[in-house]
Protein backbone atom coordinates (compact mmCIF):
# COMPACT_ATOMS: atom_id res chain seq x y z
CA MET A 1 4.42 -9.88 13.65
CA ARG A 2 1.16 -8.94 11.42
CA PRO A 3 3.21 -9.00 7.65
CA SER A 4 -0.06 -8.19 6.35
CA GLY A 5 -0.93 -4.74 7.99
CA PHE A 6 3.32 -4.11 7.62
CA SER A 7 3.05 -4.83 3.87
CA ILE A 8 0.02 -2.03 3.74
CA ALA A 9 1.24 0.56 5.25
CA ILE A 10 4.41 0.48 3.62
CA PRO A 11 3.26 1.52 -0.15
CA VAL A 12 1.12 4.31 1.52
CA SER A 13 3.56 5.88 3.33
CA SER A 14 5.33 5.70 -0.26
CA ALA A 15 2.09 6.92 -2.16
CA ARG A 16 2.00 10.60 0.16
CA PRO A 17 5.35 11.41 0.76
CA ASP A 18 3.03 15.03 1.52
CA ALA A 19 1.26 13.86 4.60
CA THR A 20 4.06 12.27 5.91
CA SER A 21 6.64 16.01 5.57
CA ALA A 22 2.76 17.54 6.59
CA GLN A 23 2.98 15.00 9.78
CA MET A 24 6.33 16.19 10.53
CA GLU A 25 5.53 19.93 10.48
CA LEU A 26 3.04 19.76 12.42
CA ILE A 27 5.35 17.85 14.96
CA THR A 28 7.31 20.37 15.33
CA SER A 29 5.38 22.86 15.64
CA THR A 30 3.27 21.08 18.28
CA ARG A 31 6.75 21.05 20.15
CA VAL A 32 7.65 25.02 19.15
CA SER A 33 4.50 25.52 21.03
CA PHE A 34 4.62 23.42 24.04
CA GLY A 35 8.68 24.31 24.58
CA VAL A 36 7.63 28.20 24.43
CA SER A 37 4.11 27.95 26.85
CA THR A 38 5.70 25.56 29.13
CA GLN A 39 8.85 28.57 29.58
CA THR A 40 6.19 31.20 29.42
CA ALA A 41 4.74 29.37 32.73
CA CYS A 42 7.48 29.10 33.86
CA THR A 43 8.70 32.31 33.41
CA ARG A 44 5.13 33.16 35.57
CA GLY A 45 6.06 31.35 38.25
CA SER A 46 8.19 32.04 39.32
CA ARG A 47 7.29 36.33 38.94
CA THR A 48 4.57 35.09 41.73
CA ARG A 49 7.24 33.15 43.45
CA ALA A 50 8.71 36.42 44.36
CA ALA A 51 5.86 39.17 44.57
CA MET A 52 4.50 36.06 47.76
CA SER A 53 8.03 36.36 49.04
CA SER A 54 8.54 40.22 48.80
């Protein structure tokens, strides 16, 4: 437990809520783009498998 670091973190986050919301927005957009890229990779993989088996 480090109360000094804890007390520093609270005023920073409360003083700048826009930074917190921007960070959450960045995390959400990153998660969405990652899901899309994963879906694209799976689609490509299944197409490649179908071409190899035929």
